[in-house]
């Protein structure tokens, strides 16, 4: 289907009470037959890279881009059903 960039983010509240998302890691999946396959591969790679049994131990949410374009959809059979939308914000940085 294309090249997928999956960013794993942690929701944090700054000392002055403002919420922001902090990038925990980024995984590039170069080839996948579907978004579901790309997310499964990215989750496994993230878990191996950071030595966690489940990516949600280190991040709260994720964002995905397909071939550099933001993706706004919820794939079927996704392990974390409480997150409804996935989105990618180009150039977003961890800052308050």
PDB file of N, CA and C in Angstrom:
ATOM      1  N   UNK A   1       0.822  -1.189   0.000  1.00  0.00           N
ATOM      2  CA  UNK A   1       0.000   0.000   0.000  1.00  0.00           C
ATOM      3  C   UNK A   1       0.862   1.248   0.000  1.00  0.00           C
ATOM      4  N   UNK A   2       1.944   1.237   0.760  1.00  0.00           N
ATOM      5  CA  UNK A   2       2.786   2.419   0.796  1.00  0.00           C
ATOM      6  C   UNK A   2       3.682   2.443   2.016  1.00  0.00           C
ATOM      7  N   UNK A   3       4.243   3.602   2.265  1.00  0.00           N
ATOM      8  CA  UNK A   3       5.135   3.817   3.401  1.00  0.00           C
ATOM      9  C   UNK A   3       4.339   4.454   4.535  1.00  0.00           C
ATOM     10  N   UNK A   4       4.411   3.849   5.716  1.00  0.00           N
ATOM     11  CA  UNK A   4       3.664   4.318   6.872  1.00  0.00           C
ATOM     12  C   UNK A   4       4.639   4.879   7.909  1.00  0.00           C
ATOM     13  N   UNK A   5       4.293   6.005   8.493  1.00  0.00           N
ATOM     14  CA  UNK A   5       5.054   6.559   9.620  1.00  0.00           C
ATOM     15  C   UNK A   5       4.112   6.552  10.815  1.00  0.00           C
ATOM     16  N   UNK A   6       4.482   5.809  11.846  1.00  0.00           N
ATOM     17  CA  UNK A   6       3.654   5.687  13.040  1.00  0.00           C
ATOM     18  C   UNK A   6       4.398   6.349  14.200  1.00  0.00           C
ATOM     19  N   UNK A   7       3.759   7.339  14.816  1.00  0.00           N
ATOM     20  CA  UNK A   7       4.355   8.073  15.936  1.00  0.00           C
ATOM     21  C   UNK A   7       3.613   7.704  17.217  1.00  0.00           C
ATOM     22  N   UNK A   8       4.357   7.341  18.249  1.00  0.00           N
ATOM     23  CA  UNK A   8       3.803   6.966  19.536  1.00  0.00           C
ATOM     24  C   UNK A   8       3.942   8.166  20.474  1.00  0.00           C
ATOM     25  N   UNK A   9       2.826   8.580  21.098  1.00  0.00           N
ATOM     26  CA  UNK A   9       2.796   9.805  21.887  1.00  0.00           C
ATOM     27  C   UNK A   9       2.286   9.569  23.298  1.00  0.00           C
ATOM     28  N   UNK A  10       2.777  10.371  24.219  1.00  0.00           N
ATOM     29  CA  UNK A  10       2.352  10.334  25.620  1.00  0.00           C
ATOM     30  C   UNK A  10       1.664  11.653  25.929  1.00  0.00           C
ATOM     31  N   UNK A  11       0.463  11.600  26.511  1.00  0.00           N
ATOM     32  CA  UNK A  11      -0.236  12.808  26.941  1.00  0.00           C
ATOM     33  C   UNK A  11       0.320  13.239  28.283  1.00  0.00           C
ATOM     34  N   UNK A  12       0.800  14.477  28.344  1.00  0.00           N
ATOM     35  CA  UNK A  12       1.442  15.002  29.543  1.00  0.00           C
ATOM     36  C   UNK A  12       0.838  16.359  29.870  1.00  0.00           C
ATOM     37  N   UNK A  13       0.808  16.701  31.157  1.00  0.00           N
ATOM     38  CA  UNK A  13       0.361  18.015  31.599  1.00  0.00           C
ATOM     39  C   UNK A  13       1.582  18.753  32.130  1.00  0.00           C
ATOM     40  N   UNK A  14       1.795  19.970  31.617  1.00  0.00           N
ATOM     41  CA  UNK A  14       2.958  20.754  32.050  1.00  0.00           C
ATOM     42  C   UNK A  14       2.746  21.289  33.458  1.00  0.00           C
ATOM     43  N   UNK A  15       3.785  21.882  34.024  1.00  0.00           N
ATOM     44  CA  UNK A  15       3.713  22.388  35.394  1.00  0.00           C
ATOM     45  C   UNK A  15       2.684  23.505  35.541  1.00  0.00           C
ATOM     46  N   UNK A  16       2.362  24.193  34.447  1.00  0.00           N
ATOM     47  CA  UNK A  16       1.345  25.249  34.532  1.00  0.00           C
ATOM     48  C   UNK A  16      -0.041  24.750  34.115  1.00  0.00           C
ATOM     49  N   UNK A  17      -0.187  23.435  33.951  1.00  0.00           N
ATOM     50  CA  UNK A  17      -1.494  22.825  33.718  1.00  0.00           C
ATOM     51  C   UNK A  17      -1.916  22.680  32.269  1.00  0.00           C
ATOM     52  N   UNK A  18      -1.043  22.974  31.328  1.00  0.00           N
ATOM     53  CA  UNK A  18      -1.393  22.855  29.914  1.00  0.00           C
ATOM     54  C   UNK A  18      -1.052  21.451  29.394  1.00  0.00           C
ATOM     55  N   UNK A  19      -2.039  20.783  28.777  1.00  0.00           N
ATOM     56  CA  UNK A  19      -1.769  19.442  28.221  1.00  0.00           C
ATOM     57  C   UNK A  19      -1.009  19.542  26.899  1.00  0.00           C
ATOM     58  N   UNK A  20      -0.157  18.572  26.668  1.00  0.00           N
ATOM     59  CA  UNK A  20       0.540  18.465  25.393  1.00  0.00           C
ATOM     60  C   UNK A  20       0.928  17.020  25.169  1.00  0.00           C
ATOM     61  N   UNK A  21       1.303  16.717  23.926  1.00  0.00           N
ATOM     62  CA  UNK A  21       1.707  15.355  23.574  1.00  0.00           C
ATOM     63  C   UNK A  21       3.210  15.334  23.363  1.00  0.00           C
ATOM     64  N   UNK A  22       3.849  14.348  23.956  1.00  0.00           N
ATOM     65  CA  UNK A  22       5.296  14.203  23.863  1.00  0.00           C
ATOM     66  C   UNK A  22       5.612  12.948  23.038  1.00  0.00           C
ATOM     67  N   UNK A  23       6.422  13.115  22.014  1.00  0.00           N
ATOM     68  CA  UNK A  23       6.795  12.010  21.145  1.00  0.00           C
ATOM     69  C   UNK A  23       7.646  11.003  21.917  1.00  0.00           C
ATOM     70  N   UNK A  24       7.219   9.743  21.924  1.00  0.00           N
ATOM     71  CA  UNK A  24       7.945   8.675  22.603  1.00  0.00           C
ATOM     72  C   UNK A  24       8.774   7.845  21.635  1.00  0.00           C
ATOM     73  N   UNK A  25       8.379   7.843  20.385  1.00  0.00           N
ATOM     74  CA  UNK A  25       9.108   7.088  19.373  1.00  0.00           C
ATOM     75  C   UNK A  25       8.378   7.141  18.047  1.00  0.00           C
ATOM     76  N   UNK A  26       9.141   6.902  16.990  1.00  0.00           N
ATOM     77  CA  UNK A  26       8.577   6.903  15.648  1.00  0.00           C
ATOM     78  C   UNK A  26       9.073   5.671  14.911  1.00  0.00           C
ATOM     79  N   UNK A  27       8.153   4.954  14.293  1.00  0.00           N
ATOM     80  CA  UNK A  27       8.479   3.739  13.554  1.00  0.00           C
ATOM     81  C   UNK A  27       8.052   3.935  12.100  1.00  0.00           C
ATOM     82  N   UNK A  28       8.934   3.600  11.183  1.00  0.00           N
ATOM     83  CA  UNK A  28       8.620   3.662   9.758  1.00  0.00           C
ATOM     84  C   UNK A  28       8.423   2.232   9.258  1.00  0.00           C
ATOM     85  N   UNK A  29       7.267   1.987   8.662  1.00  0.00           N
ATOM     86  CA  UNK A  29       6.967   0.692   8.056  1.00  0.00           C
ATOM     87  C   UNK A  29       6.980   0.934   6.550  1.00  0.00           C
ATOM     88  N   UNK A  30       7.966   0.379   5.882  1.00  0.00           N
ATOM     89  CA  UNK A  30       8.178   0.688   4.469  1.00  0.00           C
ATOM     90  C   UNK A  30       7.177   0.008   3.539  1.00  0.00           C
ATOM     91  N   UNK A  31       6.784  -1.194   3.876  1.00  0.00           N
ATOM     92  CA  UNK A  31       5.819  -1.897   3.037  1.00  0.00           C
ATOM     93  C   UNK A  31       4.835  -2.645   3.914  1.00  0.00           C
ATOM     94  N   UNK A  32       3.557  -2.475   3.632  1.00  0.00           N
ATOM     95  CA  UNK A  32       2.507  -3.222   4.315  1.00  0.00           C
ATOM     96  C   UNK A  32       1.314  -3.305   3.372  1.00  0.00           C
ATOM     97  N   UNK A  33       0.569  -4.375   3.478  1.00  0.00           N
ATOM     98  CA  UNK A  33      -0.572  -4.573   2.585  1.00  0.00           C
ATOM     99  C   UNK A  33      -1.796  -3.777   3.016  1.00  0.00           C
ATOM    100  N   UNK A  34      -1.833  -3.352   4.287  1.00  0.00           N
ATOM    101  CA  UNK A  34      -2.969  -2.579   4.795  1.00  0.00           C
ATOM    102  C   UNK A  34      -2.522  -1.763   6.005  1.00  0.00           C
ATOM    103  N   UNK A  35      -3.375  -0.876   6.425  1.00  0.00           N
ATOM    104  CA  UNK A  35      -3.090  -0.074   7.608  1.00  0.00           C
ATOM    105  C   UNK A  35      -3.006  -0.969   8.841  1.00  0.00           C
ATOM    106  N   UNK A  36      -3.901  -1.955   8.916  1.00  0.00           N
ATOM    107  CA  UNK A  36      -3.875  -2.885  10.048  1.00  0.00           C
ATOM    108  C   UNK A  36      -2.513  -3.576  10.172  1.00  0.00           C
ATOM    109  N   UNK A  37      -1.988  -4.053   9.052  1.00  0.00           N
ATOM    110  CA  UNK A  37      -0.679  -4.738   9.059  1.00  0.00           C
ATOM    111  C   UNK A  37       0.434  -3.772   9.447  1.00  0.00           C
ATOM    112  N   UNK A  38       0.370  -2.546   8.952  1.00  0.00           N
ATOM    113  CA  UNK A  38       1.388  -1.550   9.280  1.00  0.00           C
ATOM    114  C   UNK A  38       1.366  -1.232  10.769  1.00  0.00           C
ATOM    115  N   UNK A  39       0.183  -1.091  11.353  1.00  0.00           N
ATOM    116  CA  UNK A  39       0.083  -0.803  12.787  1.00  0.00           C
ATOM    117  C   UNK A  39       0.579  -1.976  13.625  1.00  0.00           C
ATOM    118  N   UNK A  40       0.248  -3.186  13.226  1.00  0.00           N
ATOM    119  CA  UNK A  40       0.739  -4.361  13.955  1.00  0.00           C
ATOM    120  C   UNK A  40       2.261  -4.412  13.924  1.00  0.00           C
ATOM    121  N   UNK A  41       2.841  -4.176  12.761  1.00  0.00           N
ATOM    122  CA  UNK A  41       4.300  -4.191  12.641  1.00  0.00           C
ATOM    123  C   UNK A  41       4.927  -3.081  13.474  1.00  0.00           C
ATOM    124  N   UNK A  42       4.349  -1.888  13.431  1.00  0.00           N
ATOM    125  CA  UNK A  42       4.888  -0.754  14.190  1.00  0.00           C
ATOM    126  C   UNK A  42       4.795  -1.001  15.695  1.00  0.00           C
ATOM    127  N   UNK A  43       3.678  -1.555  16.145  1.00  0.00           N
ATOM    128  CA  UNK A  43       3.520  -1.855  17.570  1.00  0.00           C
ATOM    129  C   UNK A  43       4.575  -2.853  18.032  1.00  0.00           C
ATOM    130  N   UNK A  44       4.769  -3.918  17.267  1.00  0.00           N
ATOM    131  CA  UNK A  44       5.763  -4.928  17.633  1.00  0.00           C
ATOM    132  C   UNK A  44       7.181  -4.349  17.653  1.00  0.00           C
ATOM    133  N   UNK A  45       7.514  -3.564  16.647  1.00  0.00           N
ATOM    134  CA  UNK A  45       8.848  -2.958  16.605  1.00  0.00           C
ATOM    135  C   UNK A  45       9.068  -1.998  17.768  1.00  0.00           C
ATOM    136  N   UNK A  46       8.046  -1.210  18.103  1.00  0.00           N
ATOM    137  CA  UNK A  46       8.147  -0.277  19.229  1.00  0.00           C
ATOM    138  C   UNK A  46       8.373  -1.048  20.529  1.00  0.00           C
ATOM    139  N   UNK A  47       7.594  -2.100  20.733  1.00  0.00           N
ATOM    140  CA  UNK A  47       7.717  -2.911  21.947  1.00  0.00           C
ATOM    141  C   UNK A  47       9.108  -3.537  22.056  1.00  0.00           C
ATOM    142  N   UNK A  48       9.649  -4.028  20.963  1.00  0.00           N
ATOM    143  CA  UNK A  48      10.994  -4.615  20.973  1.00  0.00           C
ATOM    144  C   UNK A  48      12.062  -3.556  21.206  1.00  0.00           C
ATOM    145  N   UNK A  49      11.946  -2.436  20.523  1.00  0.00           N
ATOM    146  CA  UNK A  49      12.952  -1.373  20.627  1.00  0.00           C
ATOM    147  C   UNK A  49      13.065  -0.836  22.054  1.00  0.00           C
ATOM    148  N   UNK A  50      11.918  -0.663  22.731  1.00  0.00           N
ATOM    149  CA  UNK A  50      11.933  -0.067  24.064  1.00  0.00           C
ATOM    150  C   UNK A  50      11.783  -1.090  25.187  1.00  0.00           C
ATOM    151  N   UNK A  51      11.720  -2.355  24.847  1.00  0.00           N
ATOM    152  CA  UNK A  51      11.686  -3.413  25.852  1.00  0.00           C
ATOM    153  C   UNK A  51      10.459  -3.401  26.739  1.00  0.00           C
ATOM    154  N   UNK A  52       9.303  -3.117  26.147  1.00  0.00           N
ATOM    155  CA  UNK A  52       8.054  -3.116  26.906  1.00  0.00           C
ATOM    156  C   UNK A  52       7.141  -4.216  26.360  1.00  0.00           C
ATOM    157  N   UNK A  53       6.353  -4.857  27.227  1.00  0.00           N
ATOM    158  CA  UNK A  53       5.471  -5.927  26.756  1.00  0.00           C
ATOM    159  C   UNK A  53       4.292  -5.405  25.940  1.00  0.00           C
ATOM    160  N   UNK A  54       3.900  -4.149  26.159  1.00  0.00           N
ATOM    161  CA  UNK A  54       2.795  -3.536  25.442  1.00  0.00           C
ATOM    162  C   UNK A  54       3.136  -2.067  25.223  1.00  0.00           C
ATOM    163  N   UNK A  55       2.993  -1.575  24.001  1.00  0.00           N
ATOM    164  CA  UNK A  55       3.372  -0.188  23.696  1.00  0.00           C
ATOM    165  C   UNK A  55       2.634   0.821  24.547  1.00  0.00           C
ATOM    166  N   UNK A  56       1.425   0.454  25.028  1.00  0.00           N
ATOM    167  CA  UNK A  56       0.627   1.376  25.851  1.00  0.00           C
ATOM    168  C   UNK A  56       1.220   1.585  27.236  1.00  0.00           C
ATOM    169  N   UNK A  57       2.240   0.792  27.604  1.00  0.00           N
ATOM    170  CA  UNK A  57       2.946   1.026  28.859  1.00  0.00           C
ATOM    171  C   UNK A  57       3.814   2.279  28.770  1.00  0.00           C
ATOM    172  N   UNK A  58       4.180   2.660  27.556  1.00  0.00           N
ATOM    173  CA  UNK A  58       5.067   3.803  27.358  1.00  0.00           C
ATOM    174  C   UNK A  58       4.405   4.981  26.641  1.00  0.00           C
ATOM    175  N   UNK A  59       3.344   4.730  25.883  1.00  0.00           N
ATOM    176  CA  UNK A  59       2.655   5.776  25.127  1.00  0.00           C
ATOM    177  C   UNK A  59       1.143   5.646  25.319  1.00  0.00           C
ATOM    178  N   UNK A  60       0.447   6.770  25.143  1.00  0.00           N
ATOM    179  CA  UNK A  60      -1.009   6.776  25.306  1.00  0.00           C
ATOM    180  C   UNK A  60      -1.753   6.639  23.991  1.00  0.00           C
ATOM    181  N   UNK A  61      -1.173   7.136  22.947  1.00  0.00           N
ATOM    182  CA  UNK A  61      -1.848   7.159  21.661  1.00  0.00           C
ATOM    183  C   UNK A  61      -0.821   7.099  20.542  1.00  0.00           C
ATOM    184  N   UNK A  62      -1.307   6.986  19.320  1.00  0.00           N
ATOM    185  CA  UNK A  62      -0.405   7.022  18.187  1.00  0.00           C
ATOM    186  C   UNK A  62      -1.040   7.790  17.056  1.00  0.00           C
ATOM    187  N   UNK A  63      -0.186   8.247  16.151  1.00  0.00           N
ATOM    188  CA  UNK A  63      -0.609   8.963  14.958  1.00  0.00           C
ATOM    189  C   UNK A  63       0.058   8.294  13.773  1.00  0.00           C
ATOM    190  N   UNK A  64      -0.628   8.315  12.632  1.00  0.00           N
ATOM    191  CA  UNK A  64      -0.090   7.619  11.467  1.00  0.00           C
ATOM    192  C   UNK A  64      -0.232   8.472  10.213  1.00  0.00           C
ATOM    193  N   UNK A  65       0.762   8.361   9.348  1.00  0.00           N
ATOM    194  CA  UNK A  65       0.719   8.992   8.027  1.00  0.00           C
ATOM    195  C   UNK A  65       1.008   7.910   6.996  1.00  0.00           C
ATOM    196  N   UNK A  66       0.332   8.013   5.856  1.00  0.00           N
ATOM    197  CA  UNK A  66       0.539   7.073   4.755  1.00  0.00           C
ATOM    198  C   UNK A  66       1.121   7.860   3.594  1.00  0.00           C
ATOM    199  N   UNK A  67       2.315   7.479   3.166  1.00  0.00           N
ATOM    200  CA  UNK A  67       3.018   8.172   2.082  1.00  0.00           C
ATOM    201  C   UNK A  67       3.097   9.679   2.332  1.00  0.00           C
ATOM    202  N   UNK A  68       3.305  10.051   3.586  1.00  0.00           N
ATOM    203  CA  UNK A  68       3.464  11.454   3.928  1.00  0.00           C
ATOM    204  C   UNK A  68       2.184  12.237   4.097  1.00  0.00           C
ATOM    205  N   UNK A  69       1.035  11.606   3.898  1.00  0.00           N
ATOM    206  CA  UNK A  69      -0.249  12.291   4.032  1.00  0.00           C
ATOM    207  C   UNK A  69      -0.920  11.876   5.338  1.00  0.00           C
ATOM    208  N   UNK A  70      -1.516  12.824   6.065  1.00  0.00           N
ATOM    209  CA  UNK A  70      -2.199  12.473   7.314  1.00  0.00           C
ATOM    210  C   UNK A  70      -3.292  11.443   7.077  1.00  0.00           C
ATOM    211  N   UNK A  71      -3.431  10.536   7.995  1.00  0.00           N
ATOM    212  CA  UNK A  71      -4.483   9.522   7.919  1.00  0.00           C
ATOM    213  C   UNK A  71      -5.457   9.775   9.053  1.00  0.00           C
ATOM    214  N   UNK A  72      -6.735   9.799   8.754  1.00  0.00           N
ATOM    215  CA  UNK A  72      -7.758  10.019   9.772  1.00  0.00           C
ATOM    216  C   UNK A  72      -8.783   8.896   9.672  1.00  0.00           C
ATOM    217  N   UNK A  73      -8.468   7.777  10.289  1.00  0.00           N
ATOM    218  CA  UNK A  73      -9.356   6.624  10.246  1.00  0.00           C
ATOM    219  C   UNK A  73      -9.021   5.711  11.409  1.00  0.00           C
ATOM    220  N   UNK A  74      -9.933   4.834  11.734  1.00  0.00           N
ATOM    221  CA  UNK A  74      -9.705   3.834  12.766  1.00  0.00           C
ATOM    222  C   UNK A  74      -9.727   2.468  12.101  1.00  0.00           C
ATOM    223  N   UNK A  75      -8.575   1.800  11.997  1.00  0.00           N
ATOM    224  CA  UNK A  75      -8.554   0.497  11.337  1.00  0.00           C
ATOM    225  C   UNK A  75      -9.307  -0.566  12.134  1.00  0.00           C
ATOM    226  N   UNK A  76      -9.773  -1.579  11.437  1.00  0.00           N
ATOM    227  CA  UNK A  76     -10.471  -2.682  12.078  1.00  0.00           C
ATOM    228  C   UNK A  76      -9.505  -3.507  12.920  1.00  0.00           C
ATOM    229  N   UNK A  77     -10.029  -4.145  13.936  1.00  0.00           N
ATOM    230  CA  UNK A  77      -9.266  -5.069  14.785  1.00  0.00           C
ATOM    231  C   UNK A  77      -8.073  -4.422  15.466  1.00  0.00           C
ATOM    232  N   UNK A  78      -8.147  -3.131  15.724  1.00  0.00           N
ATOM    233  CA  UNK A  78      -7.035  -2.474  16.378  1.00  0.00           C
ATOM    234  C   UNK A  78      -7.074  -2.788  17.859  1.00  0.00           C
ATOM    235  N   UNK A  79      -5.919  -3.058  18.476  1.00  0.00           N
ATOM    236  CA  UNK A  79      -5.862  -3.542  19.853  1.00  0.00           C
ATOM    237  C   UNK A  79      -6.394  -2.532  20.871  1.00  0.00           C
ATOM    238  N   UNK A  80      -6.305  -1.251  20.621  1.00  0.00           N
ATOM    239  CA  UNK A  80      -6.746  -0.257  21.591  1.00  0.00           C
ATOM    240  C   UNK A  80      -8.023   0.401  21.084  1.00  0.00           C
ATOM    241  N   UNK A  81      -9.169  -0.202  21.380  1.00  0.00           N
ATOM    242  CA  UNK A  81     -10.429   0.241  20.809  1.00  0.00           C
ATOM    243  C   UNK A  81     -10.928   1.558  21.381  1.00  0.00           C
ATOM    244  N   UNK A  82     -10.360   2.073  22.481  1.00  0.00           N
ATOM    245  CA  UNK A  82     -10.851   3.322  23.045  1.00  0.00           C
ATOM    246  C   UNK A  82     -10.338   4.543  22.287  1.00  0.00           C
ATOM    247  N   UNK A  83      -9.406   4.387  21.374  1.00  0.00           N
ATOM    248  CA  UNK A  83      -8.929   5.492  20.553  1.00  0.00           C
ATOM    249  C   UNK A  83      -9.654   5.413  19.224  1.00  0.00           C
ATOM    250  N   UNK A  84     -10.417   6.447  18.901  1.00  0.00           N
ATOM    251  CA  UNK A  84     -11.284   6.412  17.732  1.00  0.00           C
ATOM    252  C   UNK A  84     -10.604   6.885  16.458  1.00  0.00           C
ATOM    253  N   UNK A  85      -9.707   7.867  16.553  1.00  0.00           N
ATOM    254  CA  UNK A  85      -9.095   8.426  15.350  1.00  0.00           C
ATOM    255  C   UNK A  85      -7.586   8.414  15.478  1.00  0.00           C
ATOM    256  N   UNK A  86      -6.939   8.227  14.371  1.00  0.00           N
ATOM    257  CA  UNK A  86      -5.489   8.317  14.301  1.00  0.00           C
ATOM    258  C   UNK A  86      -5.178   9.527  13.443  1.00  0.00           C
ATOM    259  N   UNK A  87      -4.236  10.341  13.854  1.00  0.00           N
ATOM    260  CA  UNK A  87      -3.883  11.476  13.020  1.00  0.00           C
ATOM    261  C   UNK A  87      -2.402  11.750  13.123  1.00  0.00           C
ATOM    262  N   UNK A  88      -1.903  12.363  12.111  1.00  0.00           N
ATOM    263  CA  UNK A  88      -0.491  12.691  12.050  1.00  0.00           C
ATOM    264  C   UNK A  88      -0.358  14.195  11.882  1.00  0.00           C
ATOM    265  N   UNK A  89       0.449  14.834  12.719  1.00  0.00           N
ATOM    266  CA  UNK A  89       0.657  16.271  12.640  1.00  0.00           C
ATOM    267  C   UNK A  89       2.109  16.499  12.227  1.00  0.00           C
ATOM    268  N   UNK A  90       2.326  16.892  10.976  1.00  0.00           N
ATOM    269  CA  UNK A  90       3.699  17.093  10.511  1.00  0.00           C
ATOM    270  C   UNK A  90       4.418  18.166  11.329  1.00  0.00           C
ATOM    271  N   UNK A  91       5.647  17.893  11.706  1.00  0.00           N
ATOM    272  CA  UNK A  91       6.452  18.870  12.418  1.00  0.00           C
ATOM    273  C   UNK A  91       6.102  19.050  13.878  1.00  0.00           C
ATOM    274  N   UNK A  92       5.184  18.262  14.415  1.00  0.00           N
ATOM    275  CA  UNK A  92       4.816  18.410  15.823  1.00  0.00           C
ATOM    276  C   UNK A  92       5.983  18.026  16.710  1.00  0.00           C
ATOM    277  N   UNK A  93       6.197  18.757  17.742  1.00  0.00           N
ATOM    278  CA  UNK A  93       7.294  18.515  18.656  1.00  0.00           C
ATOM    279  C   UNK A  93       6.776  18.423  20.091  1.00  0.00           C
ATOM    280  N   UNK A  94       7.543  17.841  20.943  1.00  0.00           N
ATOM    281  CA  UNK A  94       7.209  17.728  22.354  1.00  0.00           C
ATOM    282  C   UNK A  94       7.516  19.070  23.008  1.00  0.00           C
ATOM    283  N   UNK A  95       6.490  19.868  23.224  1.00  0.00           N
ATOM    284  CA  UNK A  95       6.690  21.168  23.875  1.00  0.00           C
ATOM    285  C   UNK A  95       5.388  21.610  24.524  1.00  0.00           C
ATOM    286  N   UNK A  96       5.517  22.451  25.534  1.00  0.00           N
ATOM    287  CA  UNK A  96       4.336  22.948  26.248  1.00  0.00           C
ATOM    288  C   UNK A  96       3.719  24.123  25.514  1.00  0.00           C
TER     289      UNK A  96
END
